[in-house]
Structures are given as C-alpha cells and as structure tokens.
Amino acid sequence: MKIEIDLKAGFLQSLKREVLATLTPEERAVVEVSTGEMGNKPDAVKLGWLKMRTKESWTKQRYSRALSQVMQKLRAGVAAEARKPTRE
C-alpha cells in the first residue's frame, strides 16, 4: 500500500490569509501549480497551465526559480507574523 503525503498543501493550510494576500497573481499561480493535484503532474503540464493562466511562456528554470522565490517570501511572511504580538 502506497501512501502519498503532500507536504506543500499542509504548509499552505497553516498560513494566515494576510501572508497569502501579499503574493502577486503570478506568485499565486506558481503556488497553485506546485501544490495540490497539480503538484503531482509532469512539469510539461505545469508549464502549460502556467502559460494558460499568466499568458506568458514558462520554462522549467523560470518555474523553479519563481517557486523558490515564492517559498522564501512565504517563509519570511510566516516569520514576521510569528513575531507579531497576539491580541487576546
């Protein structure tokens, strides 16, 4: 029995809406294509979906670089949210 766990989807569920709101439409598309059902698709399908969504051509290198930058931005946003005092 093979069990697949999508760690990125769990990561996104724990993010606050304010952190996700800081992403540009292109960055949101990169996150969408790298998580969930699209995360299991071949790269050619992901690149085609990104082209359809953003109306720009995508290469695997551009996608990889964009995903890395988005994940760094999300990590920084999560760290900033964690430093904020909580209201109670």
PDB file of N, CA and C in Angstrom:
ATOM      1  N   MET A   1       0.848  -1.183   0.000  1.00  0.00           N
ATOM      2  CA  MET A   1       0.000   0.000   0.000  1.00  0.00           C
ATOM      3  C   MET A   1       0.886   1.237   0.000  1.00  0.00           C
ATOM      4  N   LYS A   2       0.697   2.084  -0.985  1.00  0.00           N
ATOM      5  CA  LYS A   2       1.500   3.291  -1.117  1.00  0.00           C
ATOM      6  C   LYS A   2       0.698   4.493  -0.620  1.00  0.00           C
ATOM      7  N   ILE A   3       1.305   5.281   0.265  1.00  0.00           N
ATOM      8  CA  ILE A   3       0.652   6.466   0.808  1.00  0.00           C
ATOM      9  C   ILE A   3       1.419   7.694   0.341  1.00  0.00           C
ATOM     10  N   GLU A   4       0.703   8.631  -0.276  1.00  0.00           N
ATOM     11  CA  GLU A   4       1.333   9.864  -0.728  1.00  0.00           C
ATOM     12  C   GLU A   4       0.943  10.999   0.212  1.00  0.00           C
ATOM     13  N   ILE A   5       1.930  11.747   0.626  1.00  0.00           N
ATOM     14  CA  ILE A   5       1.688  12.887   1.507  1.00  0.00           C
ATOM     15  C   ILE A   5       2.157  14.135   0.791  1.00  0.00           C
ATOM     16  N   ASP A   6       1.278  15.125   0.680  1.00  0.00           N
ATOM     17  CA  ASP A   6       1.621  16.388   0.031  1.00  0.00           C
ATOM     18  C   ASP A   6       1.971  17.400   1.114  1.00  0.00           C
ATOM     19  N   LEU A   7       3.266  17.541   1.365  1.00  0.00           N
ATOM     20  CA  LEU A   7       3.712  18.441   2.429  1.00  0.00           C
ATOM     21  C   LEU A   7       3.422  19.895   2.119  1.00  0.00           C
ATOM     22  N   LYS A   8       3.469  20.275   0.840  1.00  0.00           N
ATOM     23  CA  LYS A   8       3.226  21.670   0.469  1.00  0.00           C
ATOM     24  C   LYS A   8       1.785  22.071   0.769  1.00  0.00           C
ATOM     25  N   ALA A   9       0.830  21.181   0.528  1.00  0.00           N
ATOM     26  CA  ALA A   9      -0.563  21.500   0.800  1.00  0.00           C
ATOM     27  C   ALA A   9      -0.767  21.736   2.290  1.00  0.00           C
ATOM     28  N   GLY A  10      -0.134  20.936   3.128  1.00  0.00           N
ATOM     29  CA  GLY A  10      -0.222  21.135   4.574  1.00  0.00           C
ATOM     30  C   GLY A  10       0.416  22.435   4.988  1.00  0.00           C
ATOM     31  N   PHE A  11       1.492  22.784   4.327  1.00  0.00           N
ATOM     32  CA  PHE A  11       2.180  24.053   4.596  1.00  0.00           C
ATOM     33  C   PHE A  11       1.249  25.228   4.288  1.00  0.00           C
ATOM     34  N   LEU A  12       0.553  25.166   3.177  1.00  0.00           N
ATOM     35  CA  LEU A  12      -0.327  26.269   2.793  1.00  0.00           C
ATOM     36  C   LEU A  12      -1.531  26.394   3.714  1.00  0.00           C
ATOM     37  N   GLN A  13      -2.023  25.277   4.228  1.00  0.00           N
ATOM     38  CA  GLN A  13      -3.178  25.325   5.112  1.00  0.00           C
ATOM     39  C   GLN A  13      -2.871  26.059   6.409  1.00  0.00           C
ATOM     40  N   SER A  14      -1.614  26.020   6.828  1.00  0.00           N
ATOM     41  CA  SER A  14      -1.261  26.657   8.097  1.00  0.00           C
ATOM     42  C   SER A  14      -0.937  28.139   7.947  1.00  0.00           C
ATOM     43  N   LEU A  15      -0.891  28.648   6.718  1.00  0.00           N
ATOM     44  CA  LEU A  15      -0.585  30.063   6.505  1.00  0.00           C
ATOM     45  C   LEU A  15      -1.795  30.935   6.780  1.00  0.00           C
ATOM     46  N   LYS A  16      -1.530  32.108   7.282  1.00  0.00           N
ATOM     47  CA  LYS A  16      -2.604  33.062   7.513  1.00  0.00           C
ATOM     48  C   LYS A  16      -2.965  33.752   6.211  1.00  0.00           C
ATOM     49  N   ARG A  17      -4.189  34.168   6.103  1.00  0.00           N
ATOM     50  CA  ARG A  17      -4.680  34.829   4.889  1.00  0.00           C
ATOM     51  C   ARG A  17      -3.881  36.081   4.564  1.00  0.00           C
ATOM     52  N   GLU A  18      -3.425  36.806   5.582  1.00  0.00           N
ATOM     53  CA  GLU A  18      -2.659  38.035   5.360  1.00  0.00           C
ATOM     54  C   GLU A  18      -1.347  37.743   4.637  1.00  0.00           C
ATOM     55  N   VAL A  19      -0.731  36.618   4.956  1.00  0.00           N
ATOM     56  CA  VAL A  19       0.537  36.245   4.321  1.00  0.00           C
ATOM     57  C   VAL A  19       0.290  35.903   2.849  1.00  0.00           C
ATOM     58  N   LEU A  20      -0.748  35.138   2.566  1.00  0.00           N
ATOM     59  CA  LEU A  20      -1.056  34.773   1.187  1.00  0.00           C
ATOM     60  C   LEU A  20      -1.493  35.988   0.369  1.00  0.00           C
ATOM     61  N   ALA A  21      -2.092  36.981   1.008  1.00  0.00           N
ATOM     62  CA  ALA A  21      -2.553  38.181   0.305  1.00  0.00           C
ATOM     63  C   ALA A  21      -1.393  39.020  -0.209  1.00  0.00           C
ATOM     64  N   THR A  22      -0.188  38.821   0.318  1.00  0.00           N
ATOM     65  CA  THR A  22       0.962  39.598  -0.135  1.00  0.00           C
ATOM     66  C   THR A  22       1.503  39.101  -1.476  1.00  0.00           C
ATOM     67  N   LEU A  23       1.031  37.957  -1.948  1.00  0.00           N
ATOM     68  CA  LEU A  23       1.534  37.392  -3.198  1.00  0.00           C
ATOM     69  C   LEU A  23       0.905  38.079  -4.413  1.00  0.00           C
ATOM     70  N   THR A  24       1.702  38.227  -5.457  1.00  0.00           N
ATOM     71  CA  THR A  24       1.190  38.771  -6.723  1.00  0.00           C
ATOM     72  C   THR A  24       0.396  37.676  -7.427  1.00  0.00           C
ATOM     73  N   PRO A  25      -0.409  38.027  -8.437  1.00  0.00           N
ATOM     74  CA  PRO A  25      -1.147  36.986  -9.174  1.00  0.00           C
ATOM     75  C   PRO A  25      -0.225  35.923  -9.791  1.00  0.00           C
ATOM     76  N   GLU A  26       0.936  36.326 -10.285  1.00  0.00           N
ATOM     77  CA  GLU A  26       1.884  35.362 -10.853  1.00  0.00           C
ATOM     78  C   GLU A  26       2.406  34.426  -9.765  1.00  0.00           C
ATOM     79  N   GLU A  27       2.717  34.972  -8.599  1.00  0.00           N
ATOM     80  CA  GLU A  27       3.206  34.147  -7.493  1.00  0.00           C
ATOM     81  C   GLU A  27       2.124  33.180  -7.019  1.00  0.00           C
ATOM     82  N   ARG A  28       0.876  33.633  -6.990  1.00  0.00           N
ATOM     83  CA  ARG A  28      -0.227  32.739  -6.606  1.00  0.00           C
ATOM     84  C   ARG A  28      -0.353  31.590  -7.595  1.00  0.00           C
ATOM     85  N   ALA A  29      -0.183  31.887  -8.890  1.00  0.00           N
ATOM     86  CA  ALA A  29      -0.262  30.840  -9.907  1.00  0.00           C
ATOM     87  C   ALA A  29       0.846  29.816  -9.708  1.00  0.00           C
ATOM     88  N   VAL A  30       2.047  30.274  -9.374  1.00  0.00           N
ATOM     89  CA  VAL A  30       3.170  29.356  -9.140  1.00  0.00           C
ATOM     90  C   VAL A  30       2.873  28.458  -7.939  1.00  0.00           C
ATOM     91  N   VAL A  31       2.308  29.025  -6.883  1.00  0.00           N
ATOM     92  CA  VAL A  31       1.967  28.228  -5.699  1.00  0.00           C
ATOM     93  C   VAL A  31       0.868  27.224  -6.042  1.00  0.00           C
ATOM     94  N   GLU A  32      -0.138  27.673  -6.780  1.00  0.00           N
ATOM     95  CA  GLU A  32      -1.236  26.772  -7.147  1.00  0.00           C
ATOM     96  C   GLU A  32      -0.749  25.586  -7.965  1.00  0.00           C
ATOM     97  N   VAL A  33       0.155  25.846  -8.911  1.00  0.00           N
ATOM     98  CA  VAL A  33       0.620  24.768  -9.782  1.00  0.00           C
ATOM     99  C   VAL A  33       1.561  23.816  -9.047  1.00  0.00           C
ATOM    100  N   SER A  34       2.177  24.266  -7.982  1.00  0.00           N
ATOM    101  CA  SER A  34       3.123  23.403  -7.264  1.00  0.00           C
ATOM    102  C   SER A  34       2.478  22.620  -6.133  1.00  0.00           C
ATOM    103  N   THR A  35       1.225  22.886  -5.822  1.00  0.00           N
ATOM    104  CA  THR A  35       0.563  22.208  -4.707  1.00  0.00           C
ATOM    105  C   THR A  35      -0.681  21.471  -5.181  1.00  0.00           C
ATOM    106  N   GLY A  36      -1.236  20.710  -4.305  1.00  0.00           N
ATOM    107  CA  GLY A  36      -2.488  20.013  -4.586  1.00  0.00           C
ATOM    108  C   GLY A  36      -2.367  19.015  -5.717  1.00  0.00           C
ATOM    109  N   GLU A  37      -3.416  18.889  -6.510  1.00  0.00           N
ATOM    110  CA  GLU A  37      -3.447  17.924  -7.603  1.00  0.00           C
ATOM    111  C   GLU A  37      -2.410  18.245  -8.675  1.00  0.00           C
ATOM    112  N   MET A  38      -2.169  19.529  -8.930  1.00  0.00           N
ATOM    113  CA  MET A  38      -1.204  19.918  -9.957  1.00  0.00           C
ATOM    114  C   MET A  38       0.220  19.548  -9.539  1.00  0.00           C
ATOM    115  N   GLY A  39       0.493  19.474  -8.255  1.00  0.00           N
ATOM    116  CA  GLY A  39       1.826  19.146  -7.781  1.00  0.00           C
ATOM    117  C   GLY A  39       2.298  17.766  -8.205  1.00  0.00           C
ATOM    118  N   ASN A  40       1.360  16.884  -8.543  1.00  0.00           N
ATOM    119  CA  ASN A  40       1.694  15.516  -8.951  1.00  0.00           C
ATOM    120  C   ASN A  40       1.796  15.360 -10.467  1.00  0.00           C
ATOM    121  N   LYS A  41       1.517  16.418 -11.209  1.00  0.00           N
ATOM    122  CA  LYS A  41       1.547  16.358 -12.674  1.00  0.00           C
ATOM    123  C   LYS A  41       2.974  16.523 -13.192  1.00  0.00           C
ATOM    124  N   PRO A  42       3.231  16.075 -14.416  1.00  0.00           N
ATOM    125  CA  PRO A  42       4.548  16.290 -15.032  1.00  0.00           C
ATOM    126  C   PRO A  42       4.814  17.781 -15.241  1.00  0.00           C
ATOM    127  N   ASP A  43       6.090  18.136 -15.323  1.00  0.00           N
ATOM    128  CA  ASP A  43       6.455  19.546 -15.479  1.00  0.00           C
ATOM    129  C   ASP A  43       5.852  20.169 -16.729  1.00  0.00           C
ATOM    130  N   ALA A  44       5.749  19.421 -17.808  1.00  0.00           N
ATOM    131  CA  ALA A  44       5.186  19.967 -19.049  1.00  0.00           C
ATOM    132  C   ALA A  44       3.742  20.427 -18.834  1.00  0.00           C
ATOM    133  N   VAL A  45       2.991  19.682 -18.050  1.00  0.00           N
ATOM    134  CA  VAL A  45       1.606  20.051 -17.756  1.00  0.00           C
ATOM    135  C   VAL A  45       1.584  21.314 -16.902  1.00  0.00           C
ATOM    136  N   LYS A  46       2.461  21.374 -15.907  1.00  0.00           N
ATOM    137  CA  LYS A  46       2.532  22.558 -15.041  1.00  0.00           C
ATOM    138  C   LYS A  46       2.878  23.804 -15.852  1.00  0.00           C
ATOM    139  N   LEU A  47       3.871  23.682 -16.739  1.00  0.00           N
ATOM    140  CA  LEU A  47       4.294  24.824 -17.544  1.00  0.00           C
ATOM    141  C   LEU A  47       3.180  25.272 -18.489  1.00  0.00           C
ATOM    142  N   GLY A  48       2.454  24.325 -19.062  1.00  0.00           N
ATOM    143  CA  GLY A  48       1.317  24.656 -19.916  1.00  0.00           C
ATOM    144  C   GLY A  48       0.224  25.365 -19.141  1.00  0.00           C
ATOM    145  N   TRP A  49      -0.039  24.909 -17.943  1.00  0.00           N
ATOM    146  CA  TRP A  49      -1.068  25.531 -17.110  1.00  0.00           C
ATOM    147  C   TRP A  49      -0.648  26.950 -16.747  1.00  0.00           C
ATOM    148  N   LEU A  50       0.635  27.126 -16.397  1.00  0.00           N
ATOM    149  CA  LEU A  50       1.124  28.469 -16.072  1.00  0.00           C
ATOM    150  C   LEU A  50       1.003  29.404 -17.268  1.00  0.00           C
ATOM    151  N   LYS A  51       1.326  28.905 -18.458  1.00  0.00           N
ATOM    152  CA  LYS A  51       1.214  29.728 -19.667  1.00  0.00           C
ATOM    153  C   LYS A  51      -0.235  30.129 -19.894  1.00  0.00           C
ATOM    154  N   MET A  52      -1.145  29.190 -19.712  1.00  0.00           N
ATOM    155  CA  MET A  52      -2.563  29.476 -19.889  1.00  0.00           C
ATOM    156  C   MET A  52      -3.045  30.490 -18.851  1.00  0.00           C
ATOM    157  N   ARG A  53      -2.567  30.366 -17.637  1.00  0.00           N
ATOM    158  CA  ARG A  53      -3.021  31.213 -16.532  1.00  0.00           C
ATOM    159  C   ARG A  53      -2.437  32.629 -16.584  1.00  0.00           C
ATOM    160  N   THR A  54      -1.144  32.745 -16.948  1.00  0.00           N
ATOM    161  CA  THR A  54      -0.479  34.043 -16.897  1.00  0.00           C
ATOM    162  C   THR A  54      -0.306  34.692 -18.271  1.00  0.00           C
ATOM    163  N   LYS A  55      -0.612  33.967 -19.336  1.00  0.00           N
ATOM    164  CA  LYS A  55      -0.460  34.461 -20.713  1.00  0.00           C
ATOM    165  C   LYS A  55       0.999  34.758 -21.064  1.00  0.00           C
ATOM    166  N   GLU A  56       1.942  34.080 -20.403  1.00  0.00           N
ATOM    167  CA  GLU A  56       3.372  34.222 -20.670  1.00  0.00           C
ATOM    168  C   GLU A  56       3.960  32.831 -20.849  1.00  0.00           C
ATOM    169  N   SER A  57       5.084  32.755 -21.575  1.00  0.00           N
ATOM    170  CA  SER A  57       5.729  31.449 -21.717  1.00  0.00           C
ATOM    171  C   SER A  57       6.581  31.169 -20.480  1.00  0.00           C
ATOM    172  N   TRP A  58       6.637  29.893 -20.110  1.00  0.00           N
ATOM    173  CA  TRP A  58       7.370  29.466 -18.921  1.00  0.00           C
ATOM    174  C   TRP A  58       8.345  28.369 -19.302  1.00  0.00           C
ATOM    175  N   THR A  59       9.524  28.414 -18.697  1.00  0.00           N
ATOM    176  CA  THR A  59      10.492  27.327 -18.823  1.00  0.00           C
ATOM    177  C   THR A  59      10.597  26.664 -17.458  1.00  0.00           C
ATOM    178  N   LYS A  60      11.170  25.481 -17.456  1.00  0.00           N
ATOM    179  CA  LYS A  60      11.334  24.789 -16.175  1.00  0.00           C
ATOM    180  C   LYS A  60      12.233  25.600 -15.241  1.00  0.00           C
ATOM    181  N   GLN A  61      13.256  26.237 -15.803  1.00  0.00           N
ATOM    182  CA  GLN A  61      14.169  27.052 -14.997  1.00  0.00           C
ATOM    183  C   GLN A  61      13.435  28.245 -14.387  1.00  0.00           C
ATOM    184  N   ARG A  62      12.605  28.917 -15.177  1.00  0.00           N
ATOM    185  CA  ARG A  62      11.850  30.065 -14.662  1.00  0.00           C
ATOM    186  C   ARG A  62      10.883  29.618 -13.571  1.00  0.00           C
ATOM    187  N   TYR A  63      10.213  28.495 -13.796  1.00  0.00           N
ATOM    188  CA  TYR A  63       9.278  27.970 -12.803  1.00  0.00           C
ATOM    189  C   TYR A  63       9.994  27.623 -11.505  1.00  0.00           C
ATOM    190  N   SER A  64      11.123  26.937 -11.616  1.00  0.00           N
ATOM    191  CA  SER A  64      11.881  26.539 -10.422  1.00  0.00           C
ATOM    192  C   SER A  64      12.359  27.757  -9.642  1.00  0.00           C
ATOM    193  N   ARG A  65      12.863  28.752 -10.356  1.00  0.00           N
ATOM    194  CA  ARG A  65      13.342  29.970  -9.707  1.00  0.00           C
ATOM    195  C   ARG A  65      12.180  30.718  -9.047  1.00  0.00           C
ATOM    196  N   ALA A  66      11.053  30.819  -9.748  1.00  0.00           N
ATOM    197  CA  ALA A  66       9.888  31.517  -9.199  1.00  0.00           C
ATOM    198  C   ALA A  66       9.355  30.804  -7.961  1.00  0.00           C
ATOM    199  N   LEU A  67       9.316  29.474  -7.996  1.00  0.00           N
ATOM    200  CA  LEU A  67       8.837  28.708  -6.842  1.00  0.00           C
ATOM    201  C   LEU A  67       9.749  28.914  -5.647  1.00  0.00           C
ATOM    202  N   SER A  68      11.040  28.907  -5.879  1.00  0.00           N
ATOM    203  CA  SER A  68      11.996  29.136  -4.794  1.00  0.00           C
ATOM    204  C   SER A  68      11.807  30.515  -4.176  1.00  0.00           C
ATOM    205  N   GLN A  69      11.629  31.531  -5.010  1.00  0.00           N
ATOM    206  CA  GLN A  69      11.441  32.892  -4.509  1.00  0.00           C
ATOM    207  C   GLN A  69      10.134  33.031  -3.739  1.00  0.00           C
ATOM    208  N   VAL A  70       9.074  32.389  -4.228  1.00  0.00           N
ATOM    209  CA  VAL A  70       7.781  32.457  -3.541  1.00  0.00           C
ATOM    210  C   VAL A  70       7.871  31.778  -2.180  1.00  0.00           C
ATOM    211  N   MET A  71       8.531  30.634  -2.114  1.00  0.00           N
ATOM    212  CA  MET A  71       8.659  29.933  -0.840  1.00  0.00           C
ATOM    213  C   MET A  71       9.483  30.752   0.150  1.00  0.00           C
ATOM    214  N   GLN A  72      10.519  31.426  -0.313  1.00  0.00           N
ATOM    215  CA  GLN A  72      11.298  32.307   0.569  1.00  0.00           C
ATOM    216  C   GLN A  72      10.428  33.457   1.074  1.00  0.00           C
ATOM    217  N   LYS A  73       9.619  34.025   0.190  1.00  0.00           N
ATOM    218  CA  LYS A  73       8.728  35.121   0.568  1.00  0.00           C
ATOM    219  C   LYS A  73       7.703  34.650   1.602  1.00  0.00           C
ATOM    220  N   LEU A  74       7.168  33.451   1.399  1.00  0.00           N
ATOM    221  CA  LEU A  74       6.196  32.917   2.352  1.00  0.00           C
ATOM    222  C   LEU A  74       6.842  32.627   3.706  1.00  0.00           C
ATOM    223  N   ARG A  75       8.063  32.081   3.679  1.00  0.00           N
ATOM    224  CA  ARG A  75       8.770  31.843   4.953  1.00  0.00           C
ATOM    225  C   ARG A  75       8.986  33.143   5.708  1.00  0.00           C
ATOM    226  N   ALA A  76       9.398  34.186   4.990  1.00  0.00           N
ATOM    227  CA  ALA A  76       9.620  35.486   5.625  1.00  0.00           C
ATOM    228  C   ALA A  76       8.308  36.037   6.185  1.00  0.00           C
ATOM    229  N   GLY A  77       7.226  35.865   5.445  1.00  0.00           N
ATOM    230  CA  GLY A  77       5.917  36.330   5.916  1.00  0.00           C
ATOM    231  C   GLY A  77       5.458  35.591   7.150  1.00  0.00           C
ATOM    232  N   VAL A  78       5.674  34.289   7.177  1.00  0.00           N
ATOM    233  CA  VAL A  78       5.298  33.487   8.350  1.00  0.00           C
ATOM    234  C   VAL A  78       6.131  33.909   9.555  1.00  0.00           C
ATOM    235  N   ALA A  79       7.421  34.141   9.349  1.00  0.00           N
ATOM    236  CA  ALA A  79       8.292  34.571  10.448  1.00  0.00           C
ATOM    237  C   ALA A  79       7.853  35.933  10.974  1.00  0.00           C
ATOM    238  N   ALA A  80       7.481  36.837  10.079  1.00  0.00           N
ATOM    239  CA  ALA A  80       7.026  38.163  10.503  1.00  0.00           C
ATOM    240  C   ALA A  80       5.727  38.065  11.294  1.00  0.00           C
ATOM    241  N   GLU A  81       4.808  37.198  10.835  1.00  0.00           N
ATOM    242  CA  GLU A  81       3.545  37.012  11.561  1.00  0.00           C
ATOM    243  C   GLU A  81       3.781  36.407  12.943  1.00  0.00           C
ATOM    244  N   ALA A  82       4.766  35.519  13.038  1.00  0.00           N
ATOM    245  CA  ALA A  82       5.066  34.875  14.318  1.00  0.00           C
ATOM    246  C   ALA A  82       5.653  35.869  15.324  1.00  0.00           C
ATOM    247  N   ARG A  83       6.336  36.870  14.818  1.00  0.00           N
ATOM    248  CA  ARG A  83       6.937  37.889  15.711  1.00  0.00           C
ATOM    249  C   ARG A  83       5.921  38.897  16.216  1.00  0.00           C
ATOM    250  N   LYS A  84       4.786  39.020  15.523  1.00  0.00           N
ATOM    251  CA  LYS A  84       3.762  39.978  15.939  1.00  0.00           C
ATOM    252  C   LYS A  84       3.123  39.523  17.257  1.00  0.00           C
ATOM    253  N   PRO A  85       2.853  40.479  18.150  1.00  0.00           N
ATOM    254  CA  PRO A  85       2.167  40.097  19.397  1.00  0.00           C
ATOM    255  C   PRO A  85       0.731  39.694  19.099  1.00  0.00           C
ATOM    256  N   THR A  86       0.234  38.723  19.828  1.00  0.00           N
ATOM    257  CA  THR A  86      -1.141  38.261  19.635  1.00  0.00           C
ATOM    258  C   THR A  86      -2.088  39.120  20.443  1.00  0.00           C
ATOM    259  N   ARG A  87      -3.285  39.294  19.904  1.00  0.00           N
ATOM    260  CA  ARG A  87      -4.331  40.069  20.605  1.00  0.00           C
ATOM    261  C   ARG A  87      -5.227  39.116  21.377  1.00  0.00           C
ATOM    262  N   GLU A  88      -5.319  39.335  22.651  1.00  0.00           N
ATOM    263  CA  GLU A  88      -6.220  38.485  23.451  1.00  0.00           C
ATOM    264  C   GLU A  88      -6.909  39.289  24.481  1.00  0.00           C
TER     265      GLU A  88
END
